[in-house]
PDB file of N, CA and C in Angstrom:
ATOM      1  N   MET A   1     -11.873 -17.725  19.620  1.00  0.00           N
ATOM      2  CA  MET A   1     -10.576 -17.267  19.172  1.00  0.00           C
ATOM      3  C   MET A   1      -9.547 -18.288  19.602  1.00  0.00           C
ATOM      4  N   SER A   2      -8.705 -18.702  18.676  1.00  0.00           N
ATOM      5  CA  SER A   2      -7.667 -19.667  18.968  1.00  0.00           C
ATOM      6  C   SER A   2      -6.327 -19.127  18.505  1.00  0.00           C
ATOM      7  N   GLN A   3      -5.697 -18.357  19.366  1.00  0.00           N
ATOM      8  CA  GLN A   3      -4.394 -17.802  19.052  1.00  0.00           C
ATOM      9  C   GLN A   3      -3.502 -17.961  20.272  1.00  0.00           C
ATOM     10  N   VAL A   4      -2.208 -17.973  20.049  1.00  0.00           N
ATOM     11  CA  VAL A   4      -1.242 -18.025  21.134  1.00  0.00           C
ATOM     12  C   VAL A   4      -0.216 -16.924  20.916  1.00  0.00           C
ATOM     13  N   SER A   5       0.436 -16.500  21.994  1.00  0.00           N
ATOM     14  CA  SER A   5       1.431 -15.434  21.875  1.00  0.00           C
ATOM     15  C   SER A   5       2.746 -15.943  21.311  1.00  0.00           C
ATOM     16  N   GLN A   6       2.980 -17.235  21.402  1.00  0.00           N
ATOM     17  CA  GLN A   6       4.150 -17.842  20.781  1.00  0.00           C
ATOM     18  C   GLN A   6       3.819 -19.275  20.392  1.00  0.00           C
ATOM     19  N   VAL A   7       4.451 -19.762  19.335  1.00  0.00           N
ATOM     20  CA  VAL A   7       4.206 -21.137  18.907  1.00  0.00           C
ATOM     21  C   VAL A   7       5.325 -22.068  19.344  1.00  0.00           C
ATOM     22  N   THR A   8       6.277 -21.556  20.092  1.00  0.00           N
ATOM     23  CA  THR A   8       7.298 -22.400  20.701  1.00  0.00           C
ATOM     24  C   THR A   8       6.869 -22.707  22.122  1.00  0.00           C
ATOM     25  N   VAL A   9       7.359 -23.809  22.652  1.00  0.00           N
ATOM     26  CA  VAL A   9       6.992 -24.204  24.008  1.00  0.00           C
ATOM     27  C   VAL A   9       8.254 -24.188  24.863  1.00  0.00           C
ATOM     28  N   ASP A  10       8.278 -23.307  25.856  1.00  0.00           N
ATOM     29  CA  ASP A  10       9.435 -23.166  26.737  1.00  0.00           C
ATOM     30  C   ASP A  10       9.567 -24.371  27.663  1.00  0.00           C
ATOM     31  N   ASN A  11      10.774 -24.571  28.212  1.00  0.00           N
ATOM     32  CA  ASN A  11      10.976 -25.594  29.235  1.00  0.00           C
ATOM     33  C   ASN A  11      10.141 -25.225  30.447  1.00  0.00           C
ATOM     34  N   GLN A  12       9.407 -26.205  30.966  1.00  0.00           N
ATOM     35  CA  GLN A  12       8.528 -25.958  32.093  1.00  0.00           C
ATOM     36  C   GLN A  12       8.041 -27.286  32.652  1.00  0.00           C
ATOM     37  N   SER A  13       7.257 -27.227  33.713  1.00  0.00           N
ATOM     38  CA  SER A  13       6.729 -28.458  34.303  1.00  0.00           C
ATOM     39  C   SER A  13       5.798 -29.145  33.310  1.00  0.00           C
ATOM     40  N   PHE A  14       5.607 -30.438  33.487  1.00  0.00           N
ATOM     41  CA  PHE A  14       4.808 -31.188  32.525  1.00  0.00           C
ATOM     42  C   PHE A  14       3.385 -30.651  32.357  1.00  0.00           C
ATOM     43  N   PRO A  15       2.626 -30.384  33.437  1.00  0.00           N
ATOM     44  CA  PRO A  15       1.254 -29.880  33.213  1.00  0.00           C
ATOM     45  C   PRO A  15       1.232 -28.571  32.419  1.00  0.00           C
ATOM     46  N   ASN A  16       2.182 -27.664  32.706  1.00  0.00           N
ATOM     47  CA  ASN A  16       2.235 -26.406  31.969  1.00  0.00           C
ATOM     48  C   ASN A  16       2.659 -26.634  30.521  1.00  0.00           C
ATOM     49  N   PHE A  17       3.593 -27.568  30.313  1.00  0.00           N
ATOM     50  CA  PHE A  17       4.026 -27.910  28.959  1.00  0.00           C
ATOM     51  C   PHE A  17       2.856 -28.457  28.152  1.00  0.00           C
ATOM     52  N   ARG A  18       2.119 -29.392  28.750  1.00  0.00           N
ATOM     53  CA  ARG A  18       0.978 -29.993  28.053  1.00  0.00           C
ATOM     54  C   ARG A  18      -0.046 -28.926  27.689  1.00  0.00           C
ATOM     55  N   SER A  19      -0.320 -28.016  28.590  1.00  0.00           N
ATOM     56  CA  SER A  19      -1.283 -26.951  28.331  1.00  0.00           C
ATOM     57  C   SER A  19      -0.786 -26.030  27.204  1.00  0.00           C
ATOM     58  N   ALA A  20       0.481 -25.639  27.245  1.00  0.00           N
ATOM     59  CA  ALA A  20       1.042 -24.772  26.204  1.00  0.00           C
ATOM     60  C   ALA A  20       1.051 -25.478  24.852  1.00  0.00           C
ATOM     61  N   LEU A  21       1.384 -26.767  24.844  1.00  0.00           N
ATOM     62  CA  LEU A  21       1.400 -27.525  23.592  1.00  0.00           C
ATOM     63  C   LEU A  21      -0.007 -27.650  23.019  1.00  0.00           C
ATOM     64  N   ASN A  22      -0.983 -27.967  23.864  1.00  0.00           N
ATOM     65  CA  ASN A  22      -2.370 -28.070  23.387  1.00  0.00           C
ATOM     66  C   ASN A  22      -2.876 -26.737  22.852  1.00  0.00           C
ATOM     67  N   ASN A  23      -2.534 -25.636  23.503  1.00  0.00           N
ATOM     68  CA  ASN A  23      -2.951 -24.320  23.021  1.00  0.00           C
ATOM     69  C   ASN A  23      -2.319 -24.004  21.667  1.00  0.00           C
ATOM     70  N   THR A  24      -1.046 -24.356  21.495  1.00  0.00           N
ATOM     71  CA  THR A  24      -0.362 -24.126  20.228  1.00  0.00           C
ATOM     72  C   THR A  24      -0.972 -24.968  19.119  1.00  0.00           C
ATOM     73  N   ILE A  25      -1.228 -26.235  19.402  1.00  0.00           N
ATOM     74  CA  ILE A  25      -1.843 -27.116  18.404  1.00  0.00           C
ATOM     75  C   ILE A  25      -3.229 -26.608  18.029  1.00  0.00           C
ATOM     76  N   ASN A  26      -3.994 -26.145  19.007  1.00  0.00           N
ATOM     77  CA  ASN A  26      -5.333 -25.619  18.731  1.00  0.00           C
ATOM     78  C   ASN A  26      -5.255 -24.369  17.854  1.00  0.00           C
ATOM     79  N   ALA A  27      -4.283 -23.490  18.114  1.00  0.00           N
ATOM     80  CA  ALA A  27      -4.117 -22.286  17.289  1.00  0.00           C
ATOM     81  C   ALA A  27      -3.773 -22.669  15.860  1.00  0.00           C
ATOM     82  N   LEU A  28      -2.896 -23.635  15.684  1.00  0.00           N
ATOM     83  CA  LEU A  28      -2.538 -24.092  14.345  1.00  0.00           C
ATOM     84  C   LEU A  28      -3.718 -24.775  13.670  1.00  0.00           C
ATOM     85  N   ASN A  29      -4.476 -25.547  14.434  1.00  0.00           N
ATOM     86  CA  ASN A  29      -5.629 -26.267  13.891  1.00  0.00           C
ATOM     87  C   ASN A  29      -6.720 -25.323  13.391  1.00  0.00           C
ATOM     88  N   THR A  30      -6.860 -24.173  14.008  1.00  0.00           N
ATOM     89  CA  THR A  30      -7.889 -23.206  13.615  1.00  0.00           C
ATOM     90  C   THR A  30      -7.318 -22.076  12.762  1.00  0.00           C
ATOM     91  N   ASN A  31      -6.076 -22.230  12.286  1.00  0.00           N
ATOM     92  CA  ASN A  31      -5.417 -21.213  11.462  1.00  0.00           C
ATOM     93  C   ASN A  31      -5.378 -19.858  12.147  1.00  0.00           C
ATOM     94  N   HIS A  32      -5.135 -19.852  13.437  1.00  0.00           N
ATOM     95  CA  HIS A  32      -4.996 -18.610  14.210  1.00  0.00           C
ATOM     96  C   HIS A  32      -6.227 -17.714  14.066  1.00  0.00           C
ATOM     97  N   LEU A  33      -7.412 -18.293  14.156  1.00  0.00           N
ATOM     98  CA  LEU A  33      -8.669 -17.558  14.048  1.00  0.00           C
ATOM     99  C   LEU A  33      -8.775 -16.515  15.150  1.00  0.00           C
ATOM    100  N   GLY A  34      -9.034 -15.270  14.762  1.00  0.00           N
ATOM    101  CA  GLY A  34      -9.197 -14.206  15.743  1.00  0.00           C
ATOM    102  C   GLY A  34      -9.497 -12.882  15.079  1.00  0.00           C
ATOM    103  N   ALA A  35      -9.773 -11.885  15.900  1.00  0.00           N
ATOM    104  CA  ALA A  35     -10.152 -10.565  15.397  1.00  0.00           C
ATOM    105  C   ALA A  35      -8.948  -9.707  15.019  1.00  0.00           C
ATOM    106  N   SER A  36      -7.748 -10.156  15.341  1.00  0.00           N
ATOM    107  CA  SER A  36      -6.539  -9.418  14.967  1.00  0.00           C
ATOM    108  C   SER A  36      -5.410 -10.420  14.744  1.00  0.00           C
ATOM    109  N   ARG A  37      -4.338  -9.955  14.107  1.00  0.00           N
ATOM    110  CA  ARG A  37      -3.192 -10.817  13.831  1.00  0.00           C
ATOM    111  C   ARG A  37      -2.660 -11.388  15.143  1.00  0.00           C
ATOM    112  N   PRO A  38      -2.338 -12.680  15.163  1.00  0.00           N
ATOM    113  CA  PRO A  38      -1.806 -13.262  16.394  1.00  0.00           C
ATOM    114  C   PRO A  38      -0.434 -12.685  16.741  1.00  0.00           C
ATOM    115  N   ALA A  39      -0.162 -12.555  18.027  1.00  0.00           N
ATOM    116  CA  ALA A  39       1.129 -12.029  18.481  1.00  0.00           C
ATOM    117  C   ALA A  39       2.281 -12.903  18.021  1.00  0.00           C
ATOM    118  N   SER A  40       2.016 -14.171  17.758  1.00  0.00           N
ATOM    119  CA  SER A  40       3.069 -15.102  17.347  1.00  0.00           C
ATOM    120  C   SER A  40       3.379 -15.036  15.853  1.00  0.00           C
ATOM    121  N   ALA A  41       2.687 -14.180  15.099  1.00  0.00           N
ATOM    122  CA  ALA A  41       2.852 -14.143  13.640  1.00  0.00           C
ATOM    123  C   ALA A  41       4.247 -13.704  13.240  1.00  0.00           C
ATOM    124  N   SER A  42       4.750 -14.367  12.213  1.00  0.00           N
ATOM    125  CA  SER A  42       5.995 -13.957  11.571  1.00  0.00           C
ATOM    126  C   SER A  42       5.726 -13.963  10.069  1.00  0.00           C
ATOM    127  N   ALA A  43       6.649 -13.439   9.285  1.00  0.00           N
ATOM    128  CA  ALA A  43       6.441 -13.357   7.843  1.00  0.00           C
ATOM    129  C   ALA A  43       6.049 -14.728   7.297  1.00  0.00           C
ATOM    130  N   GLY A  44       4.924 -14.763   6.584  1.00  0.00           N
ATOM    131  CA  GLY A  44       4.426 -16.005   6.003  1.00  0.00           C
ATOM    132  C   GLY A  44       3.287 -16.636   6.776  1.00  0.00           C
ATOM    133  N   THR A  45       2.963 -16.108   7.950  1.00  0.00           N
ATOM    134  CA  THR A  45       1.857 -16.670   8.738  1.00  0.00           C
ATOM    135  C   THR A  45       0.524 -16.371   8.067  1.00  0.00           C
ATOM    136  N   ILE A  46      -0.257 -17.409   7.839  1.00  0.00           N
ATOM    137  CA  ILE A  46      -1.620 -17.251   7.331  1.00  0.00           C
ATOM    138  C   ILE A  46      -2.551 -17.315   8.529  1.00  0.00           C
ATOM    139  N   TRP A  47      -3.467 -16.361   8.607  1.00  0.00           N
ATOM    140  CA  TRP A  47      -4.407 -16.353   9.734  1.00  0.00           C
ATOM    141  C   TRP A  47      -5.786 -15.926   9.256  1.00  0.00           C
ATOM    142  N   LEU A  48      -6.803 -16.260  10.048  1.00  0.00           N
ATOM    143  CA  LEU A  48      -8.197 -15.982   9.709  1.00  0.00           C
ATOM    144  C   LEU A  48      -8.729 -14.863  10.596  1.00  0.00           C
ATOM    145  N   ASP A  49      -9.157 -13.780   9.969  1.00  0.00           N
ATOM    146  CA  ASP A  49      -9.689 -12.611  10.671  1.00  0.00           C
ATOM    147  C   ASP A  49     -11.206 -12.726  10.733  1.00  0.00           C
ATOM    148  N   ASN A  50     -11.736 -12.891  11.939  1.00  0.00           N
ATOM    149  CA  ASN A  50     -13.188 -12.999  12.101  1.00  0.00           C
ATOM    150  C   ASN A  50     -13.777 -11.775  12.797  1.00  0.00           C
ATOM    151  N   SER A  51     -13.144 -10.611  12.592  1.00  0.00           N
ATOM    152  CA  SER A  51     -13.620  -9.399  13.258  1.00  0.00           C
ATOM    153  C   SER A  51     -14.913  -8.859  12.652  1.00  0.00           C
ATOM    154  N   GLY A  52     -15.228  -9.235  11.416  1.00  0.00           N
ATOM    155  CA  GLY A  52     -16.467  -8.778  10.779  1.00  0.00           C
ATOM    156  C   GLY A  52     -17.617  -9.735  11.036  1.00  0.00           C
ATOM    157  N   THR A  53     -18.824  -9.234  10.944  1.00  0.00           N
ATOM    158  CA  THR A  53     -20.014 -10.053  11.138  1.00  0.00           C
ATOM    159  C   THR A  53     -20.213 -10.978   9.943  1.00  0.00           C
ATOM    160  N   ASN A  54     -20.370 -12.270  10.197  1.00  0.00           N
ATOM    161  CA  ASN A  54     -20.610 -13.284   9.165  1.00  0.00           C
ATOM    162  C   ASN A  54     -19.535 -13.307   8.078  1.00  0.00           C
ATOM    163  N   THR A  55     -18.319 -12.892   8.422  1.00  0.00           N
ATOM    164  CA  THR A  55     -17.243 -12.859   7.433  1.00  0.00           C
ATOM    165  C   THR A  55     -15.954 -13.372   8.055  1.00  0.00           C
ATOM    166  N   ILE A  56     -15.270 -14.214   7.300  1.00  0.00           N
ATOM    167  CA  ILE A  56     -13.916 -14.630   7.666  1.00  0.00           C
ATOM    168  C   ILE A  56     -13.014 -14.163   6.536  1.00  0.00           C
ATOM    169  N   VAL A  57     -11.978 -13.403   6.889  1.00  0.00           N
ATOM    170  CA  VAL A  57     -11.030 -12.886   5.902  1.00  0.00           C
ATOM    171  C   VAL A  57      -9.731 -13.660   6.068  1.00  0.00           C
ATOM    172  N   ILE A  58      -9.278 -14.292   4.994  1.00  0.00           N
ATOM    173  CA  ILE A  58      -8.051 -15.065   5.019  1.00  0.00           C
ATOM    174  C   ILE A  58      -6.917 -14.110   4.679  1.00  0.00           C
ATOM    175  N   LYS A  59      -5.953 -14.001   5.594  1.00  0.00           N
ATOM    176  CA  LYS A  59      -4.874 -13.035   5.434  1.00  0.00           C
ATOM    177  C   LYS A  59      -3.525 -13.731   5.584  1.00  0.00           C
ATOM    178  N   VAL A  60      -2.517 -13.121   4.997  1.00  0.00           N
ATOM    179  CA  VAL A  60      -1.136 -13.566   5.180  1.00  0.00           C
ATOM    180  C   VAL A  60      -0.337 -12.368   5.674  1.00  0.00           C
ATOM    181  N   PHE A  61       0.469 -12.595   6.700  1.00  0.00           N
ATOM    182  CA  PHE A  61       1.318 -11.542   7.252  1.00  0.00           C
ATOM    183  C   PHE A  61       2.645 -11.583   6.510  1.00  0.00           C
ATOM    184  N   ASP A  62       3.034 -10.463   5.884  1.00  0.00           N
ATOM    185  CA  ASP A  62       4.267 -10.445   5.096  1.00  0.00           C
ATOM    186  C   ASP A  62       5.471  -9.943   5.881  1.00  0.00           C
ATOM    187  N   GLY A  63       5.310  -9.795   7.170  1.00  0.00           N
ATOM    188  CA  GLY A  63       6.392  -9.290   8.019  1.00  0.00           C
ATOM    189  C   GLY A  63       6.138  -7.874   8.480  1.00  0.00           C
ATOM    190  N   SER A  64       5.296  -7.138   7.737  1.00  0.00           N
ATOM    191  CA  SER A  64       4.930  -5.786   8.157  1.00  0.00           C
ATOM    192  C   SER A  64       3.449  -5.499   7.973  1.00  0.00           C
ATOM    193  N   ASP A  65       2.803  -6.141   6.989  1.00  0.00           N
ATOM    194  CA  ASP A  65       1.389  -5.887   6.709  1.00  0.00           C
ATOM    195  C   ASP A  65       0.623  -7.205   6.606  1.00  0.00           C
ATOM    196  N   ASP A  66      -0.681  -7.107   6.857  1.00  0.00           N
ATOM    197  CA  ASP A  66      -1.584  -8.238   6.641  1.00  0.00           C
ATOM    198  C   ASP A  66      -2.216  -8.074   5.266  1.00  0.00           C
ATOM    199  N   LEU A  67      -1.946  -9.011   4.372  1.00  0.00           N
ATOM    200  CA  LEU A  67      -2.470  -8.958   3.015  1.00  0.00           C
ATOM    201  C   LEU A  67      -3.670  -9.880   2.905  1.00  0.00           C
ATOM    202  N   THR A  68      -4.776  -9.384   2.373  1.00  0.00           N
ATOM    203  CA  THR A  68      -5.982 -10.180   2.222  1.00  0.00           C
ATOM    204  C   THR A  68      -5.858 -11.089   1.013  1.00  0.00           C
ATOM    205  N   ILE A  69      -6.073 -12.378   1.225  1.00  0.00           N
ATOM    206  CA  ILE A  69      -6.079 -13.344   0.125  1.00  0.00           C
ATOM    207  C   ILE A  69      -7.491 -13.411  -0.450  1.00  0.00           C
ATOM    208  N   PHE A  70      -8.484 -13.628   0.404  1.00  0.00           N
ATOM    209  CA  PHE A  70      -9.892 -13.573   0.015  1.00  0.00           C
ATOM    210  C   PHE A  70     -10.732 -13.536   1.271  1.00  0.00           C
ATOM    211  N   SER A  71     -12.025 -13.252   1.119  1.00  0.00           N
ATOM    212  CA  SER A  71     -12.941 -13.274   2.253  1.00  0.00           C
ATOM    213  C   SER A  71     -14.079 -14.239   1.953  1.00  0.00           C
ATOM    214  N   LEU A  72     -14.653 -14.762   2.998  1.00  0.00           N
ATOM    215  CA  LEU A  72     -15.737 -15.726   2.900  1.00  0.00           C
ATOM    216  C   LEU A  72     -16.897 -15.245   3.750  1.00  0.00           C
ATOM    217  N   ASN A  73     -18.058 -15.056   3.115  1.00  0.00           N
ATOM    218  CA  ASN A  73     -19.270 -14.707   3.845  1.00  0.00           C
ATOM    219  C   ASN A  73     -19.847 -16.015   4.374  1.00  0.00           C
ATOM    220  N   THR A  74     -19.897 -16.170   5.683  1.00  0.00           N
ATOM    221  CA  THR A  74     -20.339 -17.432   6.275  1.00  0.00           C
ATOM    222  C   THR A  74     -21.854 -17.597   6.255  1.00  0.00           C
ATOM    223  N   SER A  75     -22.593 -16.547   5.905  1.00  0.00           N
ATOM    224  CA  SER A  75     -24.045 -16.668   5.765  1.00  0.00           C
ATOM    225  C   SER A  75     -24.437 -17.128   4.375  1.00  0.00           C
ATOM    226  N   THR A  76     -23.756 -16.563   3.364  1.00  0.00           N
ATOM    227  CA  THR A  76     -24.123 -16.855   1.973  1.00  0.00           C
ATOM    228  C   THR A  76     -23.148 -17.803   1.288  1.00  0.00           C
ATOM    229  N   ASN A  77     -22.021 -18.092   1.949  1.00  0.00           N
ATOM    230  CA  ASN A  77     -20.958 -18.931   1.385  1.00  0.00           C
ATOM    231  C   ASN A  77     -20.373 -18.336   0.106  1.00  0.00           C
ATOM    232  N   VAL A  78     -20.370 -17.018   0.004  1.00  0.00           N
ATOM    233  CA  VAL A  78     -19.803 -16.330  -1.149  1.00  0.00           C
ATOM    234  C   VAL A  78     -18.351 -15.968  -0.841  1.00  0.00           C
ATOM    235  N   VAL A  79     -17.465 -16.284  -1.785  1.00  0.00           N
ATOM    236  CA  VAL A  79     -16.051 -15.940  -1.674  1.00  0.00           C
ATOM    237  C   VAL A  79     -15.802 -14.675  -2.480  1.00  0.00           C
ATOM    238  N   THR A  80     -15.102 -13.720  -1.871  1.00  0.00           N
ATOM    239  CA  THR A  80     -14.786 -12.461  -2.540  1.00  0.00           C
ATOM    240  C   THR A  80     -13.278 -12.272  -2.525  1.00  0.00           C
ATOM    241  N   VAL A  81     -12.721 -11.967  -3.684  1.00  0.00           N
ATOM    242  CA  VAL A  81     -11.284 -11.693  -3.771  1.00  0.00           C
ATOM    243  C   VAL A  81     -11.077 -10.185  -3.833  1.00  0.00           C
ATOM    244  N   PRO A  82      -9.931  -9.716  -3.365  1.00  0.00           N
ATOM    245  CA  PRO A  82      -9.668  -8.276  -3.411  1.00  0.00           C
ATOM    246  C   PRO A  82      -9.605  -7.775  -4.848  1.00  0.00           C
ATOM    247  N   SER A  83      -9.907  -6.501  -5.055  1.00  0.00           N
ATOM    248  CA  SER A  83      -9.810  -5.933  -6.399  1.00  0.00           C
ATOM    249  C   SER A  83      -8.365  -6.024  -6.873  1.00  0.00           C
ATOM    250  N   GLY A  84      -8.199  -6.206  -8.167  1.00  0.00           N
ATOM    251  CA  GLY A  84      -6.866  -6.337  -8.732  1.00  0.00           C
ATOM    252  C   GLY A  84      -6.370  -7.766  -8.803  1.00  0.00           C
ATOM    253  N   VAL A  85      -7.124  -8.699  -8.236  1.00  0.00           N
ATOM    254  CA  VAL A  85      -6.742 -10.106  -8.278  1.00  0.00           C
ATOM    255  C   VAL A  85      -7.482 -10.756  -9.433  1.00  0.00           C
ATOM    256  N   SER A  86      -6.769 -11.462 -10.264  1.00  0.00           N
ATOM    257  CA  SER A  86      -7.370 -12.126 -11.417  1.00  0.00           C
ATOM    258  C   SER A  86      -7.815 -13.533 -11.022  1.00  0.00           C
ATOM    259  N   VAL A  87      -9.051 -13.860 -11.349  1.00  0.00           N
ATOM    260  CA  VAL A  87      -9.598 -15.174 -11.044  1.00  0.00           C
ATOM    261  C   VAL A  87     -10.106 -15.796 -12.331  1.00  0.00           C
ATOM    262  N   GLU A  88      -9.771 -17.045 -12.575  1.00  0.00           N
ATOM    263  CA  GLU A  88     -10.265 -17.754 -13.752  1.00  0.00           C
ATOM    264  C   GLU A  88     -11.764 -17.973 -13.565  1.00  0.00           C
ATOM    265  N   ALA A  89     -12.561 -17.447 -14.461  1.00  0.00           N
ATOM    266  CA  ALA A  89     -14.014 -17.474 -14.315  1.00  0.00           C
ATOM    267  C   ALA A  89     -14.634 -18.808 -14.697  1.00  0.00           C
ATOM    268  N   SER A  90     -14.015 -19.538 -15.594  1.00  0.00           N
ATOM    269  CA  SER A  90     -14.629 -20.796 -16.003  1.00  0.00           C
ATOM    270  C   SER A  90     -13.608 -21.922 -15.940  1.00  0.00           C
ATOM    271  N   ILE A  91     -14.118 -23.097 -15.668  1.00  0.00           N
ATOM    272  CA  ILE A  91     -13.283 -24.288 -15.611  1.00  0.00           C
ATOM    273  C   ILE A  91     -13.836 -25.271 -16.626  1.00  0.00           C
ATOM    274  N   THR A  92     -12.974 -25.752 -17.489  1.00  0.00           N
ATOM    275  CA  THR A  92     -13.390 -26.711 -18.495  1.00  0.00           C
ATOM    276  C   THR A  92     -12.809 -28.071 -18.151  1.00  0.00           C
ATOM    277  N   GLU A  93     -13.660 -29.060 -18.070  1.00  0.00           N
ATOM    278  CA  GLU A  93     -13.232 -30.419 -17.744  1.00  0.00           C
ATOM    279  C   GLU A  93     -13.493 -31.309 -18.938  1.00  0.00           C
ATOM    280  N   THR A  94     -12.439 -31.950 -19.432  1.00  0.00           N
ATOM    281  CA  THR A  94     -12.591 -32.813 -20.599  1.00  0.00           C
ATOM    282  C   THR A  94     -12.516 -34.294 -20.239  1.00  0.00           C
ATOM    283  N   ASP A  95     -12.186 -34.604 -19.003  1.00  0.00           N
ATOM    284  CA  ASP A  95     -12.085 -35.995 -18.576  1.00  0.00           C
ATOM    285  C   ASP A  95     -13.473 -36.493 -18.181  1.00  0.00           C
ATOM    286  N   PRO A  96     -14.058 -37.461 -18.909  1.00  0.00           N
ATOM    287  CA  PRO A  96     -15.419 -37.921 -18.600  1.00  0.00           C
ATOM    288  C   PRO A  96     -15.527 -38.588 -17.233  1.00  0.00           C
ATOM    289  N   THR A  97     -14.431 -39.049 -16.670  1.00  0.00           N
ATOM    290  CA  THR A  97     -14.493 -39.663 -15.349  1.00  0.00           C
ATOM    291  C   THR A  97     -14.538 -38.629 -14.248  1.00  0.00           C
ATOM    292  N   ALA A  98     -14.351 -37.364 -14.574  1.00  0.00           N
ATOM    293  CA  ALA A  98     -14.336 -36.298 -13.572  1.00  0.00           C
ATOM    294  C   ALA A  98     -15.690 -35.641 -13.418  1.00  0.00           C
ATOM    295  N   THR A  99     -16.734 -36.180 -13.996  1.00  0.00           N
ATOM    296  CA  THR A  99     -18.052 -35.575 -13.944  1.00  0.00           C
ATOM    297  C   THR A  99     -18.542 -35.335 -12.511  1.00  0.00           C
ATOM    298  N   ALA A 100     -18.380 -36.329 -11.651  1.00  0.00           N
ATOM    299  CA  ALA A 100     -18.856 -36.169 -10.267  1.00  0.00           C
ATOM    300  C   ALA A 100     -18.179 -35.011  -9.578  1.00  0.00           C
ATOM    301  N   LEU A 101     -16.886 -34.830  -9.779  1.00  0.00           N
ATOM    302  CA  LEU A 101     -16.174 -33.724  -9.187  1.00  0.00           C
ATOM    303  C   LEU A 101     -16.660 -32.397  -9.756  1.00  0.00           C
ATOM    304  N   ALA A 102     -16.861 -32.341 -11.043  1.00  0.00           N
ATOM    305  CA  ALA A 102     -17.334 -31.111 -11.672  1.00  0.00           C
ATOM    306  C   ALA A 102     -18.706 -30.722 -11.140  1.00  0.00           C
ATOM    307  N   ILE A 103     -19.560 -31.685 -10.920  1.00  0.00           N
ATOM    308  CA  ILE A 103     -20.895 -31.409 -10.380  1.00  0.00           C
ATOM    309  C   ILE A 103     -20.764 -30.948  -8.932  1.00  0.00           C
ATOM    310  N   ALA A 104     -19.894 -31.575  -8.149  1.00  0.00           N
ATOM    311  CA  ALA A 104     -19.727 -31.225  -6.763  1.00  0.00           C
ATOM    312  C   ALA A 104     -19.201 -29.801  -6.618  1.00  0.00           C
ATOM    313  N   LEU A 105     -18.335 -29.370  -7.522  1.00  0.00           N
ATOM    314  CA  LEU A 105     -17.786 -28.019  -7.450  1.00  0.00           C
ATOM    315  C   LEU A 105     -18.757 -26.983  -7.986  1.00  0.00           C
ATOM    316  N   GLY A 106     -19.773 -27.446  -8.708  1.00  0.00           N
ATOM    317  CA  GLY A 106     -20.847 -26.626  -9.187  1.00  0.00           C
ATOM    318  C   GLY A 106     -20.441 -25.478 -10.019  1.00  0.00           C
TER     319      GLY A 106
END
């Protein structure tokens, strides 16, 4: 879990400042990965909920609620979007130079 209670760094001694800064950078680097919304969240914070087994749920905090953007099963690599969300089912590529990318995206 990489979350911090605040993403600001208060005035303090250098060793404590360095530790607080590294913790904040680590939380940002891991998108606030944890089993619950980080205490530092404000409206617009995107965070990763790993409270489920083999699942990471990508959420955005709107200031009062955590809205699910999508979930990722880390065992099967399957992405699931919430019901009511429209997803384009097919992608058509007409640029012949984009073949490698199209194959990579499968």
